[in-house]
PDB file of all heavy atoms in Angstrom:
ATOM      1  N   ASP A   1     -51.218  12.925 -10.024  1.00  0.00           N
ATOM      2  CA  ASP A   1     -51.120  14.381 -10.079  1.00  0.00           C
ATOM      3  C   ASP A   1     -51.656  14.917  -8.782  1.00  0.00           C
ATOM      4  O   ASP A   1     -51.227  15.982  -8.242  1.00  0.00           O
ATOM      5  CB  ASP A   1     -51.766  14.954 -11.295  1.00  0.00           C
ATOM      6  CG  ASP A   1     -51.162  14.600 -12.586  1.00  0.00           C
ATOM      7  OD1 ASP A   1     -49.952  14.228 -12.564  1.00  0.00           O
ATOM      8  OD2 ASP A   1     -51.818  14.429 -13.635  1.00  0.00           O
ATOM      9  N   ASP A   2     -52.739  14.314  -8.296  1.00  0.00           N
ATOM     10  CA  ASP A   2     -53.402  14.841  -7.062  1.00  0.00           C
ATOM     11  C   ASP A   2     -52.622  14.386  -5.812  1.00  0.00           C
ATOM     12  O   ASP A   2     -52.671  15.009  -4.813  1.00  0.00           O
ATOM     13  CB  ASP A   2     -54.822  14.371  -7.007  1.00  0.00           C
ATOM     14  CG  ASP A   2     -55.705  14.799  -8.138  1.00  0.00           C
ATOM     15  OD1 ASP A   2     -55.488  15.947  -8.602  1.00  0.00           O
ATOM     16  OD2 ASP A   2     -56.524  14.038  -8.594  1.00  0.00           O
ATOM     17  N   LEU A   3     -51.937  13.260  -5.965  1.00  0.00           N
ATOM     18  CA  LEU A   3     -51.225  12.698  -4.817  1.00  0.00           C
ATOM     19  C   LEU A   3     -49.855  12.308  -5.313  1.00  0.00           C
ATOM     20  O   LEU A   3     -49.464  11.165  -5.580  1.00  0.00           O
ATOM     21  CB  LEU A   3     -51.917  11.414  -4.277  1.00  0.00           C
ATOM     22  CG  LEU A   3     -53.295  11.614  -3.644  1.00  0.00           C
ATOM     23  CD1 LEU A   3     -53.995  10.239  -3.475  1.00  0.00           C
ATOM     24  CD2 LEU A   3     -53.148  12.334  -2.373  1.00  0.00           C
ATOM     25  N   PRO A   4     -48.971  13.358  -5.591  1.00  0.00           N
ATOM     26  CA  PRO A   4     -47.639  12.979  -6.235  1.00  0.00           C
ATOM     27  C   PRO A   4     -46.782  12.098  -5.255  1.00  0.00           C
ATOM     28  O   PRO A   4     -45.891  11.445  -5.836  1.00  0.00           O
ATOM     29  CB  PRO A   4     -47.107  14.445  -6.243  1.00  0.00           C
ATOM     30  CG  PRO A   4     -47.775  15.303  -5.249  1.00  0.00           C
ATOM     31  CD  PRO A   4     -49.165  14.788  -5.265  1.00  0.00           C
ATOM     32  N   GLU A   5     -47.024  12.099  -4.039  1.00  0.00           N
ATOM     33  CA  GLU A   5     -46.263  11.234  -3.158  1.00  0.00           C
ATOM     34  C   GLU A   5     -46.756   9.804  -3.125  1.00  0.00           C
ATOM     35  O   GLU A   5     -46.119   8.887  -2.611  1.00  0.00           O
ATOM     36  CB  GLU A   5     -46.238  11.769  -1.674  1.00  0.00           C
ATOM     37  CG  GLU A   5     -47.419  11.451  -0.838  1.00  0.00           C
ATOM     38  CD  GLU A   5     -48.768  12.131  -1.330  1.00  0.00           C
ATOM     39  OE1 GLU A   5     -48.707  13.054  -2.152  1.00  0.00           O
ATOM     40  OE2 GLU A   5     -49.833  11.663  -0.832  1.00  0.00           O
ATOM     41  N   GLN A   6     -47.940   9.570  -3.821  1.00  0.00           N
ATOM     42  CA  GLN A   6     -48.402   8.220  -3.909  1.00  0.00           C
ATOM     43  C   GLN A   6     -48.590   7.498  -2.587  1.00  0.00           C
ATOM     44  O   GLN A   6     -48.445   6.212  -2.567  1.00  0.00           O
ATOM     45  CB  GLN A   6     -47.541   7.427  -4.859  1.00  0.00           C
ATOM     46  CG  GLN A   6     -47.580   7.783  -6.346  1.00  0.00           C
ATOM     47  CD  GLN A   6     -48.689   7.059  -7.103  1.00  0.00           C
ATOM     48  OE1 GLN A   6     -48.891   5.929  -6.827  1.00  0.00           O
ATOM     49  NE2 GLN A   6     -49.324   7.804  -8.027  1.00  0.00           N
ATOM     50  N   HIS A   7     -48.898   8.153  -1.508  1.00  0.00           N
ATOM     51  CA  HIS A   7     -48.931   7.504  -0.143  1.00  0.00           C
ATOM     52  C   HIS A   7     -47.603   6.837   0.134  1.00  0.00           C
ATOM     53  O   HIS A   7     -47.593   5.748   0.751  1.00  0.00           O
ATOM     54  CB  HIS A   7     -50.096   6.533  -0.025  1.00  0.00           C
ATOM     55  CG  HIS A   7     -51.423   7.208  -0.121  1.00  0.00           C
ATOM     56  ND1 HIS A   7     -52.034   7.907   0.887  1.00  0.00           N
ATOM     57  CD2 HIS A   7     -52.318   7.305  -1.189  1.00  0.00           C
ATOM     58  CE1 HIS A   7     -53.189   8.369   0.509  1.00  0.00           C
ATOM     59  NE2 HIS A   7     -53.419   8.040  -0.709  1.00  0.00           N
ATOM     60  N   ARG A   8     -46.554   7.529  -0.234  1.00  0.00           N
ATOM     61  CA  ARG A   8     -45.221   6.952  -0.117  1.00  0.00           C
ATOM     62  C   ARG A   8     -44.871   6.408   1.282  1.00  0.00           C
ATOM     63  O   ARG A   8     -44.412   5.234   1.455  1.00  0.00           O
ATOM     64  CB  ARG A   8     -44.174   8.033  -0.502  1.00  0.00           C
ATOM     65  CG  ARG A   8     -42.724   7.616  -0.428  1.00  0.00           C
ATOM     66  CD  ARG A   8     -41.849   8.741  -0.614  1.00  0.00           C
ATOM     67  NE  ARG A   8     -42.012   9.833   0.362  1.00  0.00           N
ATOM     68  CZ  ARG A   8     -42.377  11.082   0.008  1.00  0.00           C
ATOM     69  NH1 ARG A   8     -42.507  11.465  -1.280  1.00  0.00           N
ATOM     70  NH2 ARG A   8     -42.619  12.039   0.961  1.00  0.00           N
ATOM     71  N   ASP A   9     -45.160   7.265   2.280  1.00  0.00           N
ATOM     72  CA  ASP A   9     -44.787   6.795   3.674  1.00  0.00           C
ATOM     73  C   ASP A   9     -45.501   5.559   4.057  1.00  0.00           C
ATOM     74  O   ASP A   9     -44.973   4.675   4.793  1.00  0.00           O
ATOM     75  CB  ASP A   9     -45.072   7.870   4.632  1.00  0.00           C
ATOM     76  CG  ASP A   9     -44.141   9.195   4.459  1.00  0.00           C
ATOM     77  OD1 ASP A   9     -43.088   8.969   3.772  1.00  0.00           O
ATOM     78  OD2 ASP A   9     -44.382  10.267   4.913  1.00  0.00           O
ATOM     79  N   GLU A  10     -46.818   5.475   3.690  1.00  0.00           N
ATOM     80  CA  GLU A  10     -47.572   4.254   4.072  1.00  0.00           C
ATOM     81  C   GLU A  10     -47.037   3.056   3.328  1.00  0.00           C
ATOM     82  O   GLU A  10     -46.990   1.940   3.909  1.00  0.00           O
ATOM     83  CB  GLU A  10     -49.002   4.506   3.770  1.00  0.00           C
ATOM     84  CG  GLU A  10     -49.930   3.322   4.068  1.00  0.00           C
ATOM     85  CD  GLU A  10     -50.050   2.902   5.441  1.00  0.00           C
ATOM     86  OE1 GLU A  10     -49.661   3.676   6.351  1.00  0.00           O
ATOM     87  OE2 GLU A  10     -50.387   1.766   5.804  1.00  0.00           O
ATOM     88  N   ARG A  11     -46.642   3.217   2.118  1.00  0.00           N
ATOM     89  CA  ARG A  11     -46.042   2.080   1.302  1.00  0.00           C
ATOM     90  C   ARG A  11     -44.723   1.566   2.041  1.00  0.00           C
ATOM     91  O   ARG A  11     -44.585   0.444   2.148  1.00  0.00           O
ATOM     92  CB  ARG A  11     -45.651   2.595  -0.120  1.00  0.00           C
ATOM     93  CG  ARG A  11     -46.873   2.860  -0.973  1.00  0.00           C
ATOM     94  CD  ARG A  11     -46.436   3.459  -2.309  1.00  0.00           C
ATOM     95  NE  ARG A  11     -47.444   3.956  -3.110  1.00  0.00           N
ATOM     96  CZ  ARG A  11     -48.181   3.245  -4.030  1.00  0.00           C
ATOM     97  NH1 ARG A  11     -47.795   2.058  -4.318  1.00  0.00           N
ATOM     98  NH2 ARG A  11     -49.158   3.757  -4.752  1.00  0.00           N
ATOM     99  N   PHE A  12     -43.974   2.551   2.369  1.00  0.00           N
ATOM    100  CA  PHE A  12     -42.687   2.153   2.989  1.00  0.00           C
ATOM    101  C   PHE A  12     -42.920   1.479   4.388  1.00  0.00           C
ATOM    102  O   PHE A  12     -42.248   0.483   4.821  1.00  0.00           O
ATOM    103  CB  PHE A  12     -41.703   3.299   3.155  1.00  0.00           C
ATOM    104  CG  PHE A  12     -41.285   3.858   1.809  1.00  0.00           C
ATOM    105  CD1 PHE A  12     -40.735   5.145   1.747  1.00  0.00           C
ATOM    106  CD2 PHE A  12     -41.223   3.041   0.705  1.00  0.00           C
ATOM    107  CE1 PHE A  12     -40.329   5.596   0.504  1.00  0.00           C
ATOM    108  CE2 PHE A  12     -40.774   3.492  -0.476  1.00  0.00           C
ATOM    109  CZ  PHE A  12     -40.272   4.797  -0.639  1.00  0.00           C
ATOM    110  N   LYS A  13     -43.893   2.005   5.173  1.00  0.00           N
ATOM    111  CA  LYS A  13     -44.156   1.451   6.388  1.00  0.00           C
ATOM    112  C   LYS A  13     -44.713  -0.010   6.309  1.00  0.00           C
ATOM    113  O   LYS A  13     -44.245  -0.970   7.039  1.00  0.00           O
ATOM    114  CB  LYS A  13     -45.314   2.290   7.108  1.00  0.00           C
ATOM    115  CG  LYS A  13     -45.772   1.805   8.422  1.00  0.00           C
ATOM    116  CD  LYS A  13     -46.831   2.744   9.031  1.00  0.00           C
ATOM    117  CE  LYS A  13     -47.310   2.206  10.343  1.00  0.00           C
ATOM    118  NZ  LYS A  13     -48.153   0.967  10.233  1.00  0.00           N
ATOM    119  N   ARG A  14     -45.641  -0.238   5.338  1.00  0.00           N
ATOM    120  CA  ARG A  14     -46.098  -1.609   5.177  1.00  0.00           C
ATOM    121  C   ARG A  14     -45.032  -2.531   4.656  1.00  0.00           C
ATOM    122  O   ARG A  14     -44.861  -3.717   5.055  1.00  0.00           O
ATOM    123  CB  ARG A  14     -47.233  -1.552   4.126  1.00  0.00           C
ATOM    124  CG  ARG A  14     -48.532  -0.881   4.569  1.00  0.00           C
ATOM    125  CD  ARG A  14     -49.629  -1.006   3.579  1.00  0.00           C
ATOM    126  NE  ARG A  14     -50.836  -0.338   4.022  1.00  0.00           N
ATOM    127  CZ  ARG A  14     -52.072  -0.554   3.440  1.00  0.00           C
ATOM    128  NH1 ARG A  14     -52.241  -1.295   2.460  1.00  0.00           N
ATOM    129  NH2 ARG A  14     -53.053   0.134   3.957  1.00  0.00           N
ATOM    130  N   THR A  15     -44.259  -2.068   3.667  1.00  0.00           N
ATOM    131  CA  THR A  15     -43.203  -2.941   3.161  1.00  0.00           C
ATOM    132  C   THR A  15     -42.059  -3.239   4.162  1.00  0.00           C
ATOM    133  O   THR A  15     -41.623  -4.451   4.276  1.00  0.00           O
ATOM    134  CB  THR A  15     -42.500  -2.204   1.986  1.00  0.00           C
ATOM    135  OG1 THR A  15     -43.503  -1.879   0.954  1.00  0.00           O
ATOM    136  CG2 THR A  15     -41.541  -3.190   1.207  1.00  0.00           C
ATOM    137  N   ARG A  16     -41.801  -2.361   5.073  1.00  0.00           N
ATOM    138  CA  ARG A  16     -40.870  -2.572   6.213  1.00  0.00           C
ATOM    139  C   ARG A  16     -41.459  -3.653   7.093  1.00  0.00           C
ATOM    140  O   ARG A  16     -40.704  -4.576   7.550  1.00  0.00           O
ATOM    141  CB  ARG A  16     -40.590  -1.325   6.947  1.00  0.00           C
ATOM    142  CG  ARG A  16     -39.496  -1.352   7.936  1.00  0.00           C
ATOM    143  CD  ARG A  16     -39.205  -0.007   8.581  1.00  0.00           C
ATOM    144  NE  ARG A  16     -38.887   0.967   7.593  1.00  0.00           N
ATOM    145  CZ  ARG A  16     -39.521   2.107   7.206  1.00  0.00           C
ATOM    146  NH1 ARG A  16     -40.784   2.241   7.732  1.00  0.00           N
ATOM    147  NH2 ARG A  16     -39.151   2.957   6.294  1.00  0.00           N
ATOM    148  N   ASP A  17     -42.691  -3.653   7.340  1.00  0.00           N
ATOM    149  CA  ASP A  17     -43.336  -4.583   8.195  1.00  0.00           C
ATOM    150  C   ASP A  17     -43.326  -5.980   7.455  1.00  0.00           C
ATOM    151  O   ASP A  17     -43.132  -7.077   8.115  1.00  0.00           O
ATOM    152  CB  ASP A  17     -44.816  -4.200   8.500  1.00  0.00           C
ATOM    153  CG  ASP A  17     -45.486  -5.192   9.465  1.00  0.00           C
ATOM    154  OD1 ASP A  17     -45.125  -5.228  10.676  1.00  0.00           O
ATOM    155  OD2 ASP A  17     -46.358  -6.003   9.043  1.00  0.00           O
ATOM    156  N   ILE A  18     -43.658  -6.009   6.215  1.00  0.00           N
ATOM    157  CA  ILE A  18     -43.615  -7.183   5.387  1.00  0.00           C
ATOM    158  C   ILE A  18     -42.183  -7.839   5.459  1.00  0.00           C
ATOM    159  O   ILE A  18     -42.015  -9.072   5.788  1.00  0.00           O
ATOM    160  CB  ILE A  18     -43.980  -6.997   3.937  1.00  0.00           C
ATOM    161  CG1 ILE A  18     -45.455  -6.589   3.856  1.00  0.00           C
ATOM    162  CG2 ILE A  18     -43.691  -8.198   3.085  1.00  0.00           C
ATOM    163  CD1 ILE A  18     -45.841  -5.964   2.514  1.00  0.00           C
ATOM    164  N   LYS A  19     -41.150  -7.010   5.202  1.00  0.00           N
ATOM    165  CA  LYS A  19     -39.817  -7.538   5.273  1.00  0.00           C
ATOM    166  C   LYS A  19     -39.489  -8.081   6.613  1.00  0.00           C
ATOM    167  O   LYS A  19     -38.803  -9.132   6.719  1.00  0.00           O
ATOM    168  CB  LYS A  19     -38.895  -6.426   4.857  1.00  0.00           C
ATOM    169  CG  LYS A  19     -37.370  -6.794   4.854  1.00  0.00           C
ATOM    170  CD  LYS A  19     -36.461  -5.653   4.474  1.00  0.00           C
ATOM    171  CE  LYS A  19     -35.017  -6.064   4.449  1.00  0.00           C
ATOM    172  NZ  LYS A  19     -34.539  -6.563   5.769  1.00  0.00           N
ATOM    173  N   ASN A  20     -39.829  -7.412   7.646  1.00  0.00           N
ATOM    174  CA  ASN A  20     -39.469  -7.856   9.055  1.00  0.00           C
ATOM    175  C   ASN A  20     -40.173  -9.197   9.291  1.00  0.00           C
ATOM    176  O   ASN A  20     -39.506 -10.034   9.956  1.00  0.00           O
ATOM    177  CB  ASN A  20     -40.036  -6.822  10.072  1.00  0.00           C
ATOM    178  CG  ASN A  20     -39.154  -5.583   9.989  1.00  0.00           C
ATOM    179  OD1 ASN A  20     -38.067  -5.545   9.544  1.00  0.00           O
ATOM    180  ND2 ASN A  20     -39.682  -4.479  10.623  1.00  0.00           N
ATOM    181  N   ARG A  21     -41.417  -9.412   8.871  1.00  0.00           N
ATOM    182  CA  ARG A  21     -42.027 -10.707   8.997  1.00  0.00           C
ATOM    183  C   ARG A  21     -41.305 -11.794   8.312  1.00  0.00           C
ATOM    184  O   ARG A  21     -41.018 -12.930   8.914  1.00  0.00           O
ATOM    185  CB  ARG A  21     -43.512 -10.663   8.456  1.00  0.00           C
ATOM    186  CG  ARG A  21     -44.460  -9.789   9.278  1.00  0.00           C
ATOM    187  CD  ARG A  21     -45.139 -10.494  10.372  1.00  0.00           C
ATOM    188  NE  ARG A  21     -45.850 -11.668  10.021  1.00  0.00           N
ATOM    189  CZ  ARG A  21     -47.032 -11.796   9.465  1.00  0.00           C
ATOM    190  NH1 ARG A  21     -47.713 -10.604   9.242  1.00  0.00           N
ATOM    191  NH2 ARG A  21     -47.529 -12.862   9.239  1.00  0.00           N
ATOM    192  N   PHE A  22     -40.833 -11.602   7.095  1.00  0.00           N
ATOM    193  CA  PHE A  22     -40.120 -12.583   6.351  1.00  0.00           C
ATOM    194  C   PHE A  22     -38.694 -12.773   6.916  1.00  0.00           C
ATOM    195  O   PHE A  22     -38.212 -13.835   6.958  1.00  0.00           O
ATOM    196  CB  PHE A  22     -40.085 -12.188   4.875  1.00  0.00           C
ATOM    197  CG  PHE A  22     -41.251 -12.652   4.115  1.00  0.00           C
ATOM    198  CD1 PHE A  22     -42.133 -11.653   3.651  1.00  0.00           C
ATOM    199  CD2 PHE A  22     -41.623 -13.959   3.836  1.00  0.00           C
ATOM    200  CE1 PHE A  22     -43.282 -11.947   2.873  1.00  0.00           C
ATOM    201  CE2 PHE A  22     -42.740 -14.315   3.183  1.00  0.00           C
ATOM    202  CZ  PHE A  22     -43.612 -13.340   2.649  1.00  0.00           C
ATOM    203  N   ASP A  23     -38.044 -11.666   7.363  1.00  0.00           N
ATOM    204  CA  ASP A  23     -36.741 -11.788   7.991  1.00  0.00           C
ATOM    205  C   ASP A  23     -36.813 -12.719   9.215  1.00  0.00           C
ATOM    206  O   ASP A  23     -35.934 -13.522   9.390  1.00  0.00           O
ATOM    207  CB  ASP A  23     -36.262 -10.363   8.388  1.00  0.00           C
ATOM    208  CG  ASP A  23     -35.803  -9.542   7.329  1.00  0.00           C
ATOM    209  OD1 ASP A  23     -35.539 -10.071   6.161  1.00  0.00           O
ATOM    210  OD2 ASP A  23     -35.576  -8.310   7.579  1.00  0.00           O
ATOM    211  N   ASP A  24     -37.864 -12.541   9.974  1.00  0.00           N
ATOM    212  CA  ASP A  24     -37.957 -13.426  11.245  1.00  0.00           C
ATOM    213  C   ASP A  24     -38.103 -14.759  10.801  1.00  0.00           C
ATOM    214  O   ASP A  24     -37.722 -15.728  11.596  1.00  0.00           O
ATOM    215  CB  ASP A  24     -39.239 -12.937  12.012  1.00  0.00           C
ATOM    216  CG  ASP A  24     -38.999 -11.604  12.620  1.00  0.00           C
ATOM    217  OD1 ASP A  24     -37.902 -11.176  12.826  1.00  0.00           O
ATOM    218  OD2 ASP A  24     -40.103 -11.025  13.088  1.00  0.00           O
ATOM    219  N   ALA A  25     -38.672 -15.153   9.664  1.00  0.00           N
ATOM    220  CA  ALA A  25     -38.845 -16.502   9.137  1.00  0.00           C
ATOM    221  C   ALA A  25     -37.599 -16.989   8.377  1.00  0.00           C
ATOM    222  O   ALA A  25     -37.641 -18.107   7.747  1.00  0.00           O
ATOM    223  CB  ALA A  25     -40.104 -16.585   8.305  1.00  0.00           C
ATOM    224  N   GLU A  26     -36.560 -16.105   8.406  1.00  0.00           N
ATOM    225  CA  GLU A  26     -35.352 -16.430   7.570  1.00  0.00           C
ATOM    226  C   GLU A  26     -35.616 -16.612   6.151  1.00  0.00           C
ATOM    227  O   GLU A  26     -35.031 -17.480   5.447  1.00  0.00           O
ATOM    228  CB  GLU A  26     -34.602 -17.696   8.235  1.00  0.00           C
ATOM    229  CG  GLU A  26     -34.178 -17.394   9.659  1.00  0.00           C
ATOM    230  CD  GLU A  26     -33.357 -18.532  10.268  1.00  0.00           C
ATOM    231  OE1 GLU A  26     -33.481 -19.655   9.729  1.00  0.00           O
ATOM    232  OE2 GLU A  26     -32.569 -18.313  11.208  1.00  0.00           O
ATOM    233  N   ILE A  27     -36.459 -15.790   5.597  1.00  0.00           N
ATOM    234  CA  ILE A  27     -36.813 -15.767   4.113  1.00  0.00           C
ATOM    235  C   ILE A  27     -36.289 -14.447   3.602  1.00  0.00           C
ATOM    236  O   ILE A  27     -36.665 -13.397   4.106  1.00  0.00           O
ATOM    237  CB  ILE A  27     -38.321 -16.006   3.896  1.00  0.00           C
ATOM    238  CG1 ILE A  27     -38.711 -17.432   4.286  1.00  0.00           C
ATOM    239  CG2 ILE A  27     -38.673 -15.764   2.439  1.00  0.00           C
ATOM    240  CD1 ILE A  27     -40.199 -17.677   4.325  1.00  0.00           C
ATOM    241  N   THR A  28     -35.630 -14.450   2.435  1.00  0.00           N
ATOM    242  CA  THR A  28     -35.142 -13.243   1.805  1.00  0.00           C
ATOM    243  C   THR A  28     -36.256 -12.576   0.974  1.00  0.00           C
ATOM    244  O   THR A  28     -36.759 -13.206   0.044  1.00  0.00           O
ATOM    245  CB  THR A  28     -33.962 -13.537   0.901  1.00  0.00           C
ATOM    246  OG1 THR A  28     -32.884 -14.059   1.743  1.00  0.00           O
ATOM    247  CG2 THR A  28     -33.444 -12.248   0.281  1.00  0.00           C
ATOM    248  N   VAL A  29     -36.514 -11.372   1.203  1.00  0.00           N
ATOM    249  CA  VAL A  29     -37.499 -10.570   0.408  1.00  0.00           C
ATOM    250  C   VAL A  29     -36.718  -9.876  -0.748  1.00  0.00           C
ATOM    251  O   VAL A  29     -35.704  -9.322  -0.526  1.00  0.00           O
ATOM    252  CB  VAL A  29     -38.136  -9.463   1.199  1.00  0.00           C
ATOM    253  CG1 VAL A  29     -38.812  -8.481   0.365  1.00  0.00           C
ATOM    254  CG2 VAL A  29     -39.145 -10.154   2.195  1.00  0.00           C
ATOM    255  N   VAL A  30     -37.230 -10.082  -1.977  1.00  0.00           N
ATOM    256  CA  VAL A  30     -36.698  -9.346  -3.076  1.00  0.00           C
ATOM    257  C   VAL A  30     -37.785  -8.406  -3.758  1.00  0.00           C
ATOM    258  O   VAL A  30     -38.911  -8.944  -4.002  1.00  0.00           O
ATOM    259  CB  VAL A  30     -36.053 -10.271  -4.113  1.00  0.00           C
ATOM    260  CG1 VAL A  30     -34.813 -10.943  -3.573  1.00  0.00           C
ATOM    261  CG2 VAL A  30     -37.046 -11.348  -4.625  1.00  0.00           C
TER     262      VAL A  30
END
């Protein structure tokens, strides 16, 4: 209720970086 966005942008930024790391290793992120 205090943070309705749930630090959304930071979550997406981190997840994008995680996916890119696995993509580079030719591993599919689900």
